[in-house]
Amino acid sequence: MKLAISGTYSSGKTLTTMALAHLTGVPRTHAKTMREILPEAVPGKTLEECDAAELVQLVMRRFVQRSVHESHLPGGFISDGSSLHEWTYATVRVTVGINPNESIGLDHVEKTDEIRFYERVVSQLGVALKQYAKETYDAFVHLPIEFPLDPNGHRPVNERFRTLSDELLLAVLQDELKIPVEIIGGTIPERLDGITKHFDLPRVMPIDEAIEAAQKDYAELDVRIETDRTVVSG
């Protein structure tokens, strides 16, 4: 089964997918975060400083990496996010601005010529990314917004941005693509129990052991700010 775990920022996707992979024995796949990609893609910049063209480059880098990783797991996988996430985050920036934190408190953001062209480009990218999602994933689990937004200060995200992203993700899945999607919330143990029962997935260890293993994996993630990272040449 090719199962995508959906949800916006700070919804718990990463820890949930890590624990679910340990619990079921099904391999986990993901794409690097924008923060991890930036030093090579746009050296010296943070996401707040990226312009529209640079954001498009980041979207494509994430999608290419994600699709390559998923192609290496023809027998099935659990995906942390999906191709729809890259498109969703890019699309919401048409509404809130390239840097969402600059539009806090504003009723709307003026569409400049740059934003209008960016909107057209992202819309066309959406055609490809939606087709990929429709052809690749068997089902989605959507994690609702239940946890506080991570206040790490490293990415230009606020409550309005993640609420709009959450609404757009669900609308595309349910109304447009009609991919099977199950909304499963609660604590991490409740999520794992609900997901494995709904999809009849195997359990190769107890839930508490899977969570403990996932927490160790999560603690090893590199969460440094973009400009503190060094580009590793190949």
Protein backbone atom coordinates (compact mmCIF):
# COMPACT_ATOMS: atom_id res chain seq x y z
CA MET A 1 0.00 0.00 0.00
CA LYS A 2 1.19 3.50 -0.84
CA LEU A 3 -0.13 5.64 2.00
CA ALA A 4 0.47 9.38 2.30
CA ILE A 5 0.21 11.10 5.66
CA SER A 6 -1.23 14.56 5.06
CA GLY A 7 -1.42 17.65 7.23
CA THR A 8 0.01 21.12 7.42
CA TYR A 9 2.84 22.54 9.54
CA SER A 10 3.12 21.25 13.12
CA SER A 11 0.39 18.67 12.62
CA GLY A 12 2.73 15.87 13.70
CA LYS A 13 3.32 14.28 10.29
CA THR A 14 6.98 13.48 10.79
CA LEU A 15 6.74 11.86 14.21
CA THR A 16 3.57 10.02 13.18
CA THR A 17 5.14 8.61 10.01
CA MET A 18 8.32 7.63 11.85
CA ALA A 19 6.34 5.78 14.51
CA LEU A 20 3.99 4.21 11.95
CA ALA A 21 6.95 2.86 9.97
CA HIS A 22 8.43 1.28 13.10
CA LEU A 23 5.04 -0.08 14.13
CA THR A 24 4.12 -1.66 10.80
CA GLY A 25 7.47 -2.45 9.20
CA VAL A 26 6.36 -0.50 6.11
CA PRO A 27 9.19 1.78 4.90
CA ARG A 28 8.87 5.53 5.42
CA THR A 29 9.74 7.98 2.67
CA HIS A 30 9.97 11.77 2.60
CA ALA A 31 11.53 14.76 0.90
CA LYS A 32 14.04 17.11 2.47
CA THR A 33 12.56 20.21 4.08
CA MET A 34 12.92 23.61 2.42
CA ARG A 35 15.36 24.48 5.20
CA GLU A 36 17.58 21.55 4.23
CA ILE A 37 17.39 22.35 0.51
CA LEU A 38 18.04 26.10 0.73
CA PRO A 39 21.84 26.14 1.26
CA GLU A 40 22.37 24.41 -2.07
CA ALA A 41 19.40 25.85 -3.96
CA VAL A 42 19.55 29.47 -2.78
CA PRO A 43 22.82 29.88 -0.83
CA GLY A 44 22.84 32.47 1.94
CA LYS A 45 19.08 33.08 2.00
CA THR A 46 16.29 32.14 4.39
CA LEU A 47 12.79 31.29 3.20
CA GLU A 48 11.66 34.79 4.19
CA GLU A 49 14.16 36.24 1.72
CA CYS A 50 13.29 34.02 -1.26
CA ASP A 51 11.46 35.55 -4.20
CA ALA A 52 8.74 33.89 -6.28
CA ALA A 53 11.10 32.33 -8.82
CA GLU A 54 13.26 30.83 -6.07
CA LEU A 55 10.21 29.34 -4.36
CA VAL A 56 9.27 27.61 -7.62
CA GLN A 57 12.77 26.11 -7.76
CA LEU A 58 12.40 24.82 -4.19
CA VAL A 59 9.01 23.28 -4.98
CA MET A 60 10.44 21.40 -7.95
CA ARG A 61 13.50 20.21 -6.03
CA ARG A 62 11.27 18.77 -3.28
CA PHE A 63 8.94 17.09 -5.76
CA VAL A 64 11.77 15.52 -7.77
CA GLN A 65 13.38 14.18 -4.61
CA ARG A 66 10.06 12.87 -3.29
CA SER A 67 9.11 11.14 -6.54
CA VAL A 68 12.54 9.51 -6.88
CA HIS A 69 12.41 8.17 -3.33
CA GLU A 70 8.89 6.82 -3.83
CA SER A 71 9.81 5.18 -7.14
CA HIS A 72 12.37 3.06 -5.27
CA LEU A 73 9.62 1.54 -3.11
CA PRO A 74 7.25 -0.17 -5.56
CA GLY A 75 6.04 -2.55 -2.86
CA GLY A 76 4.52 0.22 -0.80
CA PHE A 77 5.50 2.96 1.62
CA ILE A 78 4.33 5.49 4.19
CA SER A 79 5.01 9.00 2.91
CA ASP A 80 5.65 11.97 5.18
CA GLY A 81 3.58 14.44 3.16
CA SER A 82 2.91 14.17 -0.56
CA SER A 83 3.34 15.95 -3.88
CA LEU A 84 0.26 17.98 -2.94
CA HIS A 85 2.09 19.59 -0.04
CA GLU A 86 4.66 21.30 -2.23
CA TRP A 87 1.89 22.71 -4.41
CA THR A 88 -0.33 23.69 -1.48
CA TYR A 89 2.33 25.73 0.32
CA ALA A 90 3.23 27.48 -2.93
CA THR A 91 -0.41 28.21 -3.74
CA VAL A 92 -1.28 29.71 -0.35
CA ARG A 93 1.49 32.24 -0.86
CA VAL A 94 -0.62 33.81 -3.60
CA THR A 95 -3.12 34.72 -0.87
CA VAL A 96 -0.81 35.63 2.02
CA GLY A 97 2.23 36.86 0.13
CA ILE A 98 5.62 35.35 -0.64
CA ASN A 99 6.61 35.99 2.98
CA PRO A 100 3.43 35.24 4.98
CA ASN A 101 4.66 37.05 8.07
CA GLU A 102 4.65 40.36 6.21
CA SER A 103 0.88 40.15 5.72
CA ILE A 104 -0.15 39.47 9.33
CA GLY A 105 -3.06 41.78 10.15
CA LEU A 106 -3.83 42.60 6.52
CA ASP A 107 -7.20 41.73 4.98
CA HIS A 108 -5.60 41.02 1.62
CA VAL A 109 -2.28 41.16 -0.22
CA GLU A 110 -2.00 43.17 -3.40
CA LYS A 111 -1.24 41.05 -6.45
CA THR A 112 1.80 42.49 -8.17
CA ASP A 113 2.76 41.47 -11.71
CA GLU A 114 5.29 39.09 -10.14
CA ILE A 115 2.63 37.45 -8.00
CA ARG A 116 0.21 37.14 -10.93
CA PHE A 117 2.83 35.37 -13.02
CA TYR A 118 3.84 33.23 -10.02
CA GLU A 119 0.17 32.27 -9.59
CA ARG A 120 -0.04 31.07 -13.21
CA VAL A 121 3.19 29.07 -12.90
CA VAL A 122 2.11 27.42 -9.64
CA SER A 123 -1.29 26.60 -11.12
CA GLN A 124 0.38 24.74 -13.98
CA LEU A 125 2.74 22.96 -11.59
CA GLY A 126 -0.38 21.89 -9.77
CA VAL A 127 -1.62 20.05 -12.84
CA ALA A 128 1.44 17.79 -12.76
CA LEU A 129 1.62 17.40 -8.99
CA LYS A 130 -2.08 16.53 -8.69
CA GLN A 131 -1.81 13.98 -11.50
CA TYR A 132 1.15 12.41 -9.74
CA ALA A 133 -0.80 12.19 -6.47
CA LYS A 134 -3.80 10.63 -8.21
CA GLU A 135 -1.65 8.03 -9.96
CA THR A 136 0.68 7.23 -7.06
CA TYR A 137 -1.08 7.19 -3.67
CA ASP A 138 -3.66 4.59 -2.75
CA ALA A 139 -5.03 6.60 0.15
CA PHE A 140 -4.35 9.53 2.47
CA VAL A 141 -4.52 9.98 6.21
CA HIS A 142 -5.09 13.63 7.06
CA LEU A 143 -3.90 14.84 10.46
CA PRO A 144 -5.98 17.82 11.66
CA ILE A 145 -4.47 20.85 13.37
CA GLU A 146 -4.32 19.81 17.03
CA PHE A 147 -0.84 20.79 18.18
CA PRO A 148 0.58 24.33 18.68
CA LEU A 149 2.60 25.81 15.84
CA ASP A 150 6.28 25.10 16.47
CA PRO A 151 7.73 28.48 17.52
CA ASN A 152 11.21 27.77 16.17
CA GLY A 153 11.28 31.00 14.17
CA HIS A 154 12.99 29.36 11.20
CA ARG A 155 10.20 29.48 8.67
CA PRO A 156 7.72 32.15 7.62
CA VAL A 157 4.60 30.39 8.83
CA ASN A 158 1.76 31.64 11.02
CA GLU A 159 -1.67 30.38 12.07
CA ARG A 160 -3.45 31.89 9.08
CA PHE A 161 -0.99 30.27 6.68
CA ARG A 162 -1.33 26.81 8.15
CA THR A 163 -5.12 27.06 8.45
CA LEU A 164 -5.44 28.03 4.77
CA SER A 165 -3.02 25.23 3.82
CA ASP A 166 -5.00 22.70 5.85
CA GLU A 167 -8.28 23.73 4.20
CA LEU A 168 -6.78 23.63 0.70
CA LEU A 169 -5.22 20.20 1.19
CA LEU A 170 -8.52 18.68 2.31
CA ALA A 171 -10.52 20.40 -0.43
CA VAL A 172 -8.24 19.11 -3.18
CA LEU A 173 -8.21 15.58 -1.79
CA GLN A 174 -11.93 15.28 -1.11
CA ASP A 175 -13.58 17.45 -3.73
CA GLU A 176 -11.20 17.57 -6.68
CA LEU A 177 -9.08 14.43 -6.77
CA LYS A 178 -11.45 12.24 -4.76
CA ILE A 179 -8.56 10.19 -3.40
CA PRO A 180 -9.64 8.12 -0.37
CA VAL A 181 -8.80 10.18 2.71
CA GLU A 182 -9.38 9.39 6.36
CA ILE A 183 -9.14 12.17 8.95
CA ILE A 184 -7.49 10.71 12.05
CA GLY A 185 -6.58 12.84 15.04
CA GLY A 186 -5.82 12.46 18.71
CA THR A 187 -2.61 11.64 20.52
CA ILE A 188 0.19 9.85 18.70
CA PRO A 189 -0.86 6.46 20.20
CA GLU A 190 -4.48 7.12 19.18
CA ARG A 191 -3.40 8.04 15.66
CA LEU A 192 -1.29 4.92 15.28
CA ASP A 193 -4.07 2.72 16.58
CA GLY A 194 -6.61 4.36 14.29
CA ILE A 195 -4.46 4.22 11.16
CA THR A 196 -3.44 0.59 11.56
CA LYS A 197 -7.00 -0.50 12.29
CA HIS A 198 -8.59 1.49 9.45
CA PHE A 199 -6.14 0.19 6.82
CA ASP A 200 -5.64 -3.23 8.40
CA LEU A 201 -1.89 -2.70 8.62
CA PRO A 202 0.36 -5.18 10.45
CA ARG A 203 1.96 -4.42 13.79
CA VAL A 204 5.45 -5.77 14.29
CA MET A 205 5.95 -4.24 17.74
CA PRO A 206 3.87 -2.58 20.49
CA ILE A 207 2.76 1.01 19.93
CA ASP A 208 4.76 2.39 22.85
CA GLU A 209 7.96 0.83 21.52
CA ALA A 210 7.31 2.26 18.06
CA ILE A 211 6.83 5.74 19.52
CA GLU A 212 10.00 5.45 21.59
CA ALA A 213 11.98 4.46 18.49
CA ALA A 214 10.43 7.33 16.51
CA GLN A 215 11.29 9.84 19.22
CA LYS A 216 14.92 8.79 18.99
CA ASP A 217 14.82 9.25 15.21
CA TYR A 218 13.14 12.63 15.60
CA ALA A 219 15.74 13.83 18.11
CA GLU A 220 18.44 13.28 15.47
CA LEU A 221 16.83 15.64 12.93
CA ASP A 222 18.88 18.67 11.97
CA VAL A 223 16.70 21.72 12.69
CA ARG A 224 19.34 24.42 12.32
CA ILE A 225 18.38 27.66 10.59
CA GLU A 226 19.13 27.70 6.85
CA THR A 227 22.09 30.08 7.03
CA ASP A 228 23.84 27.92 9.66
CA ARG A 229 24.05 25.00 7.28
CA THR A 230 27.03 24.15 5.10
CA VAL A 231 26.61 23.00 1.53
CA VAL A 232 28.09 19.53 1.14
CA SER A 233 29.63 19.19 -2.31
CA GLY A 234 29.24 15.86 -4.02
